[in-house]
């Protein structure tokens, strides 16, 4: 009996199975290919609108293939380094240096991501803090914005709280002047000297002048806390002993230091100016300090300053406890935030016979000191 029909049947069955397998494989491949852009979109975000359909498929497939190199940092324990992008530097040159400095693992994958996301033409020149602890995607995003995460905020010696607040809109910090002024009335319980400030008083006088390196997103209370901590760091036992030897509490010492800060222009004169005020207090004289009256006058719209200069005769008659021409002793609170030199002059004043001082007429910002009022009058400018 012939076997030809049986062989023909087996061949037909095998051929059908093969064709069915090819068809299924084709369907699977097509299904996978169709899903590539969507999978890449979910994993890496929206593709650039500038890409053609073919580019979207090719780049999407590359990102999925190289996903580990893009999403896993090279060294999770790495420190930050400064990476400088020069003006006009090509994208390829930037990628090459990132790879040479071992900040990225795969230059090709990094380039593909930049092209896919449309970031290859928007890299900004500037200095960046990058780290191998960042993923390649994080680095790609970081070099799009040269705005530093950290900024330097400066409080000048002798600024009053309102002047600090006024500097905020151009500082790069994210909170408002109003938020700062509000926070400056709150006494943080964890600051050691805080109980020595009257409960209803603001923190005027205790926001230590200097430069502060702070995160751009720092809050007003946190910035104030840093300034108070800086004051605490500079409040040495030597300073405290000096205040005690002068018969002053910490709060009284800061009040007097704030006046000395505003009176002096040349730092080396601060101890002599301090001696004049101590001599006046000991003799029962009024301090008669212009800056205390300026504090009472407040903001001068015409001069755009908190420190009206010159003062008029009617200013000296303002009925305010800060007017030390009218009221004896120290004013109720500090009038500004004194620096360390003014605090040291308060703790360790010069020993002089002087009761008066006035600005010299030579533009040097120095003062002529006098023991008597008659001598003081003779020191007036012609």
Protein backbone atom coordinates (compact mmCIF):
# COMPACT_ATOMS: atom_id res chain seq x y z
CA UNK A 1 0.00 0.00 0.00
CA UNK A 2 1.33 3.50 -0.96
CA UNK A 3 2.37 6.01 1.81
CA UNK A 4 2.37 9.11 -0.48
CA UNK A 5 -1.04 10.46 0.73
CA UNK A 6 0.10 10.21 4.39
CA UNK A 7 3.35 12.10 3.68
CA UNK A 8 1.44 14.76 1.79
CA UNK A 9 -0.93 15.22 4.72
CA UNK A 10 1.96 15.54 7.22
CA UNK A 11 3.71 18.10 5.02
CA UNK A 12 0.53 20.12 4.75
CA UNK A 13 0.04 20.07 8.52
CA UNK A 14 3.64 21.18 9.16
CA UNK A 15 3.36 23.95 6.60
CA UNK A 16 0.18 25.24 8.17
CA UNK A 17 1.80 25.17 11.63
CA UNK A 18 4.81 27.05 10.32
CA UNK A 19 2.67 29.67 8.67
CA UNK A 20 0.60 30.04 11.84
CA UNK A 21 3.82 30.48 13.89
CA UNK A 22 5.14 33.09 11.50
CA UNK A 23 1.83 34.91 11.62
CA UNK A 24 1.79 34.84 15.44
CA UNK A 25 5.42 36.05 15.59
CA UNK A 26 4.57 38.83 13.16
CA UNK A 27 1.61 39.86 15.29
CA UNK A 28 3.73 39.83 18.44
CA UNK A 29 6.49 41.88 16.79
CA UNK A 30 3.94 44.34 15.45
CA UNK A 31 2.29 44.59 18.84
CA UNK A 32 5.65 45.18 20.52
CA UNK A 33 6.67 47.76 17.93
CA UNK A 34 3.38 49.58 18.31
CA UNK A 35 3.77 49.69 22.10
CA UNK A 36 7.34 51.06 22.05
CA UNK A 37 6.46 54.77 21.84
CA UNK A 38 3.80 54.45 24.53
CA UNK A 39 6.12 52.54 26.87
CA UNK A 40 8.84 55.14 26.33
CA UNK A 41 6.36 57.95 26.96
CA UNK A 42 5.28 56.42 30.28
CA UNK A 43 8.90 55.86 31.34
CA UNK A 44 10.68 58.94 29.96
CA UNK A 45 7.96 61.53 29.40
CA UNK A 46 6.57 63.13 26.26
CA UNK A 47 8.79 63.11 23.17
CA UNK A 48 9.77 66.36 21.49
CA UNK A 49 7.25 67.65 18.95
CA UNK A 50 10.17 68.26 16.57
CA UNK A 51 10.76 64.51 16.05
CA UNK A 52 9.55 62.68 12.98
CA UNK A 53 7.59 59.43 13.39
CA UNK A 54 10.67 57.37 12.51
CA UNK A 55 12.82 59.30 15.01
CA UNK A 56 10.26 58.74 17.75
CA UNK A 57 10.35 54.97 17.18
CA UNK A 58 14.14 54.76 16.97
CA UNK A 59 14.79 56.97 20.01
CA UNK A 60 12.02 55.35 22.04
CA UNK A 61 13.48 51.90 21.36
CA UNK A 62 16.98 53.16 22.29
CA UNK A 63 15.75 54.59 25.60
CA UNK A 64 13.96 51.38 26.53
CA UNK A 65 17.04 49.36 25.63
CA UNK A 66 19.35 51.67 27.60
CA UNK A 67 16.94 52.41 30.46
CA UNK A 68 19.31 51.20 33.18
CA UNK A 69 22.12 53.49 32.02
CA UNK A 70 19.71 56.43 32.03
CA UNK A 71 17.87 55.78 35.29
CA UNK A 72 20.55 54.32 37.56
CA UNK A 73 23.29 56.62 38.96
CA UNK A 74 26.90 55.55 38.50
CA UNK A 75 27.81 56.04 42.16
CA UNK A 76 25.03 56.66 44.72
CA UNK A 77 27.63 57.80 47.29
CA UNK A 78 29.40 60.32 45.04
CA UNK A 79 30.00 63.94 46.08
CA UNK A 80 28.92 66.93 44.02
CA UNK A 81 31.42 68.54 41.65
CA UNK A 82 31.31 71.81 39.74
CA UNK A 83 30.67 71.27 36.04
CA UNK A 84 31.06 74.32 33.81
CA UNK A 85 29.25 74.61 30.49
CA UNK A 86 30.94 77.23 28.32
CA UNK A 87 28.99 79.66 26.19
CA UNK A 88 28.65 78.19 22.69
CA UNK A 89 29.96 74.74 23.69
CA UNK A 90 28.53 71.98 21.50
CA UNK A 91 26.21 69.32 22.87
CA UNK A 92 28.63 66.56 21.80
CA UNK A 93 31.49 68.26 23.67
CA UNK A 94 29.36 68.57 26.81
CA UNK A 95 28.35 64.90 26.63
CA UNK A 96 31.97 63.88 26.13
CA UNK A 97 33.11 65.78 29.22
CA UNK A 98 30.27 64.37 31.30
CA UNK A 99 31.42 60.87 30.33
CA UNK A 100 35.11 61.67 30.93
CA UNK A 101 34.31 62.94 34.42
CA UNK A 102 32.34 59.74 35.07
CA UNK A 103 29.06 61.53 35.61
CA UNK A 104 27.20 59.46 32.99
CA UNK A 105 27.66 55.82 31.99
CA UNK A 106 26.61 55.81 28.34
CA UNK A 107 27.15 58.89 26.09
CA UNK A 108 24.99 57.43 23.32
CA UNK A 109 22.05 56.80 25.63
CA UNK A 110 22.43 60.28 27.13
CA UNK A 111 22.43 61.87 23.67
CA UNK A 112 19.35 59.83 22.69
CA UNK A 113 17.48 61.06 25.76
CA UNK A 114 18.40 64.69 25.08
CA UNK A 115 17.13 64.33 21.50
CA UNK A 116 13.99 62.46 22.55
CA UNK A 117 13.06 65.08 25.17
CA UNK A 118 14.08 68.02 22.98
CA UNK A 119 16.75 69.10 25.46
CA UNK A 120 19.73 68.88 23.15
CA UNK A 121 19.34 72.46 21.92
CA UNK A 122 18.45 74.13 25.24
CA UNK A 123 21.48 73.40 27.44
CA UNK A 124 22.41 76.60 29.31
CA UNK A 125 25.92 77.93 29.84
CA UNK A 126 26.86 78.26 33.49
CA UNK A 127 28.26 76.48 36.53
CA UNK A 128 26.40 73.41 37.79
CA UNK A 129 26.73 71.21 40.85
CA UNK A 130 26.49 67.68 39.43
CA UNK A 131 27.15 64.29 40.93
CA UNK A 132 27.48 60.66 39.84
CA UNK A 133 24.81 60.06 42.48
CA UNK A 134 22.39 61.68 40.03
CA UNK A 135 20.84 59.67 37.21
CA UNK A 136 21.61 60.64 33.63
CA UNK A 137 18.06 61.95 33.30
CA UNK A 138 18.49 64.15 36.38
CA UNK A 139 21.76 65.50 34.96
CA UNK A 140 20.09 66.19 31.61
CA UNK A 141 17.37 68.18 33.39
CA UNK A 142 19.86 69.98 35.65
CA UNK A 143 21.93 71.46 32.81
CA UNK A 144 18.86 73.18 31.39
CA UNK A 145 18.87 75.82 34.14
CA UNK A 146 21.98 77.63 35.38
CA UNK A 147 20.07 79.25 38.24
CA UNK A 148 21.97 78.13 41.36
CA UNK A 149 20.13 76.11 43.98
CA UNK A 150 22.10 77.98 46.65
CA UNK A 151 22.25 81.75 46.89
CA UNK A 152 24.17 84.22 49.05
CA UNK A 153 21.95 86.44 51.16
CA UNK A 154 23.63 89.38 52.89
CA UNK A 155 22.54 91.28 56.00
CA UNK A 156 24.54 94.49 56.29
CA UNK A 157 25.81 95.84 59.61
CA UNK A 158 23.37 98.41 60.94
CA UNK A 159 20.36 97.40 58.84
CA UNK A 160 17.04 97.50 60.61
CA UNK A 161 14.61 94.64 60.05
CA UNK A 162 12.64 96.59 57.44
CA UNK A 163 15.80 97.09 55.37
CA UNK A 164 16.48 93.36 55.42
CA UNK A 165 12.91 92.77 54.27
CA UNK A 166 13.27 95.37 51.51
CA UNK A 167 16.24 93.48 50.05
CA UNK A 168 14.26 90.25 49.62
CA UNK A 169 12.50 90.94 46.27
CA UNK A 170 15.86 91.05 44.46
CA UNK A 171 17.56 88.38 46.55
CA UNK A 172 16.30 85.31 44.68
CA UNK A 173 14.62 83.94 47.81
CA UNK A 174 11.09 82.66 47.42
CA UNK A 175 9.30 84.30 50.36
CA UNK A 176 7.95 87.83 50.64
CA UNK A 177 9.04 90.81 52.72
CA UNK A 178 5.75 90.53 54.61
CA UNK A 179 6.46 86.89 55.50
CA UNK A 180 9.89 87.90 56.79
CA UNK A 181 8.54 90.73 58.95
CA UNK A 182 5.91 88.41 60.37
CA UNK A 183 8.49 85.73 61.18
CA UNK A 184 10.74 88.34 62.84
CA UNK A 185 8.17 88.71 65.63
CA UNK A 186 8.31 85.03 66.60
CA UNK A 187 10.77 83.88 69.28
CA UNK A 188 12.16 80.38 68.48
CA UNK A 189 12.22 78.42 71.73
CA UNK A 190 15.40 76.51 70.86
CA UNK A 191 17.64 79.61 70.71
CA UNK A 192 19.62 79.84 73.95
CA UNK A 193 19.41 83.59 74.58
CA UNK A 194 15.80 84.00 73.40
CA UNK A 195 14.42 84.30 76.96
CA UNK A 196 16.58 87.41 77.43
CA UNK A 197 14.54 89.25 74.80
CA UNK A 198 11.28 90.78 76.12
CA UNK A 199 8.33 88.61 75.14
CA UNK A 200 6.57 91.30 73.08
CA UNK A 201 9.73 92.59 71.36
CA UNK A 202 10.70 91.80 67.79
CA UNK A 203 14.02 90.18 66.97
CA UNK A 204 15.49 93.55 65.95
CA UNK A 205 19.15 93.66 66.96
CA UNK A 206 19.67 89.90 67.02
CA UNK A 207 19.70 89.09 63.29
CA UNK A 208 23.45 88.87 62.97
CA UNK A 209 24.92 90.70 59.96
CA UNK A 210 26.91 88.74 57.41
CA UNK A 211 26.68 86.57 54.31
CA UNK A 212 24.48 83.47 54.42
CA UNK A 213 24.69 80.62 51.90
CA UNK A 214 21.13 79.32 51.84
CA UNK A 215 18.91 77.15 49.63
CA UNK A 216 16.78 79.21 47.27
CA UNK A 217 13.63 77.61 48.76
CA UNK A 218 14.48 78.43 52.39
CA UNK A 219 11.55 79.77 54.43
CA UNK A 220 11.49 83.08 56.30
CA UNK A 221 11.49 81.40 59.75
CA UNK A 222 14.44 79.22 58.75
CA UNK A 223 16.48 82.21 57.52
CA UNK A 224 15.77 84.09 60.74
CA UNK A 225 16.75 81.00 62.71
CA UNK A 226 20.12 80.93 60.91
CA UNK A 227 20.71 84.61 61.74
CA UNK A 228 19.87 83.99 65.41
CA UNK A 229 22.17 80.97 65.47
CA UNK A 230 24.96 83.15 64.01
CA UNK A 231 24.37 85.67 66.82
CA UNK A 232 24.55 82.82 69.35
CA UNK A 233 27.85 81.62 67.85
CA UNK A 234 29.36 85.10 68.23
CA UNK A 235 27.99 85.68 71.73
CA UNK A 236 31.11 84.53 73.54
CA UNK A 237 31.51 84.31 77.31
CA UNK A 238 34.04 87.15 76.94
CA UNK A 239 31.38 89.40 75.39
CA UNK A 240 28.85 88.48 78.06
CA UNK A 241 31.37 89.27 80.80
CA UNK A 242 32.08 92.61 79.15
CA UNK A 243 28.39 93.51 79.13
CA UNK A 244 28.07 92.54 82.79
CA UNK A 245 31.11 94.67 83.69
CA UNK A 246 29.38 97.65 82.07
CA UNK A 247 26.25 96.98 84.12
CA UNK A 248 24.16 95.93 81.12
CA UNK A 249 21.91 92.99 80.42
CA UNK A 250 22.24 91.32 77.04
CA UNK A 251 19.21 93.18 75.72
CA UNK A 252 20.48 96.55 76.97
CA UNK A 253 23.90 95.84 75.47
CA UNK A 254 22.38 95.11 72.05
CA UNK A 255 20.34 98.33 72.25
CA UNK A 256 23.49 100.39 72.90
CA UNK A 257 25.48 98.44 70.28
CA UNK A 258 22.81 99.21 67.68
CA UNK A 259 23.17 102.93 68.39
CA UNK A 260 26.97 102.73 68.20
CA UNK A 261 26.67 100.83 64.90
CA UNK A 262 24.54 103.57 63.38
CA UNK A 263 26.70 106.42 64.76
CA UNK A 264 30.08 105.08 63.63
CA UNK A 265 31.28 104.96 60.05
CA UNK A 266 34.90 104.09 60.80
CA UNK A 267 34.99 100.89 62.85
CA UNK A 268 38.05 101.83 64.88
CA UNK A 269 36.11 104.77 66.35
CA UNK A 270 33.42 102.53 67.85
CA UNK A 271 35.10 102.10 71.27
CA UNK A 272 35.48 105.90 71.59
CA UNK A 273 31.85 106.50 70.61
CA UNK A 274 30.87 103.86 73.17
CA UNK A 275 32.88 105.72 75.81
CA UNK A 276 30.97 108.96 75.08
CA UNK A 277 27.64 107.24 75.63
CA UNK A 278 28.81 105.54 78.83
CA UNK A 279 30.10 108.89 80.11
CA UNK A 280 26.77 110.52 79.36
CA UNK A 281 24.80 107.77 81.07
CA UNK A 282 27.06 107.96 84.14
CA UNK A 283 26.59 111.76 84.32
CA UNK A 284 22.79 111.51 83.97
CA UNK A 285 22.87 113.16 80.53
CA UNK A 286 20.61 112.18 77.64
CA UNK A 287 22.26 110.12 74.93
CA UNK A 288 21.09 112.69 72.34
CA UNK A 289 21.79 110.32 69.44
CA UNK A 290 20.58 111.19 65.95
CA UNK A 291 20.07 107.55 64.83
CA UNK A 292 17.50 107.02 67.61
CA UNK A 293 15.52 109.97 66.26
CA UNK A 294 15.91 108.63 62.72
CA UNK A 295 14.44 105.36 63.97
CA UNK A 296 11.49 107.25 65.45
CA UNK A 297 10.95 109.23 62.22
CA UNK A 298 10.73 106.03 60.19
CA UNK A 299 10.73 105.75 56.41
CA UNK A 300 11.41 108.91 54.42
CA UNK A 301 9.54 108.71 51.11
CA UNK A 302 11.37 111.67 49.60
CA UNK A 303 14.81 110.30 50.40
CA UNK A 304 13.79 106.62 49.98
CA UNK A 305 15.53 105.67 53.21
CA UNK A 306 14.78 104.62 56.77
CA UNK A 307 17.51 106.98 58.02
CA UNK A 308 16.46 110.58 57.33
CA UNK A 309 19.51 112.78 56.85
CA UNK A 310 19.87 115.56 57.75
CA UNK A 311 17.42 115.77 60.62
CA UNK A 312 15.46 118.98 61.04
CA UNK A 313 14.97 120.83 64.32
CA UNK A 314 11.34 119.65 64.47
CA UNK A 315 12.48 116.02 64.20
CA UNK A 316 14.39 116.45 67.46
CA UNK A 317 11.10 117.34 69.17
CA UNK A 318 9.23 114.17 68.12
CA UNK A 319 7.53 112.71 71.17
CA UNK A 320 8.80 109.14 71.01
CA UNK A 321 10.52 106.95 73.59
CA UNK A 322 13.20 106.46 70.89
CA UNK A 323 13.97 110.19 70.89
CA UNK A 324 17.02 110.23 73.14
CA UNK A 325 17.15 114.02 72.94
CA UNK A 326 13.94 114.11 74.99
CA UNK A 327 14.01 110.89 76.99
CA UNK A 328 16.88 109.78 79.24
CA UNK A 329 18.55 106.38 79.24
CA UNK A 330 18.38 103.77 76.52
CA UNK A 331 15.51 103.54 74.02
CA UNK A 332 13.02 100.66 74.48
CA UNK A 333 14.62 98.31 71.94
CA UNK A 334 17.50 98.04 69.45
CA UNK A 335 17.24 100.37 66.47
CA UNK A 336 19.22 98.15 64.08
CA UNK A 337 21.17 94.91 63.88
CA UNK A 338 24.73 95.56 65.10
CA UNK A 339 27.78 93.68 63.92
CA UNK A 340 30.47 92.10 66.06
CA UNK A 341 32.65 95.25 66.18
CA UNK A 342 29.82 97.29 67.67
CA UNK A 343 29.06 94.54 70.19
CA UNK A 344 32.73 94.42 71.19
CA UNK A 345 32.88 98.20 71.54
CA UNK A 346 29.88 98.00 73.87
CA UNK A 347 31.56 95.31 75.97
CA UNK A 348 35.01 96.92 75.93
CA UNK A 349 34.68 100.70 75.46
CA UNK A 350 37.63 103.06 75.37
CA UNK A 351 38.34 105.03 78.53
CA UNK A 352 38.06 108.70 77.58
CA UNK A 353 36.96 112.02 79.14
CA UNK A 354 34.73 112.79 76.14
CA UNK A 355 31.03 113.64 76.28
CA UNK A 356 30.54 114.88 72.71
CA UNK A 357 31.46 114.01 69.15
CA UNK A 358 30.59 115.32 65.72
CA UNK A 359 31.60 114.57 62.15
CA UNK A 360 34.80 116.12 60.89
CA UNK A 361 34.52 118.48 57.96
CA UNK A 362 37.10 116.74 55.76
CA UNK A 363 34.87 113.99 54.36
CA UNK A 364 36.84 111.27 56.16
CA UNK A 365 33.75 109.98 58.01
CA UNK A 366 35.70 110.37 61.24
CA UNK A 367 34.62 112.38 64.27
CA UNK A 368 35.99 115.16 66.42
CA UNK A 369 35.60 114.33 70.11
CA UNK A 370 35.19 116.92 72.84
CA UNK A 371 35.12 116.99 76.63
CA UNK A 372 33.03 120.18 76.97
CA UNK A 373 30.08 121.57 75.09
CA UNK A 374 32.02 124.72 74.26
CA UNK A 375 34.75 122.65 72.65
CA UNK A 376 32.06 120.67 70.84
CA UNK A 377 30.67 123.89 69.37
CA UNK A 378 34.12 124.95 68.21
CA UNK A 379 34.41 121.65 66.31
CA UNK A 380 31.46 122.63 64.08
CA UNK A 381 32.15 123.00 60.39
CA UNK A 382 32.64 126.64 59.24
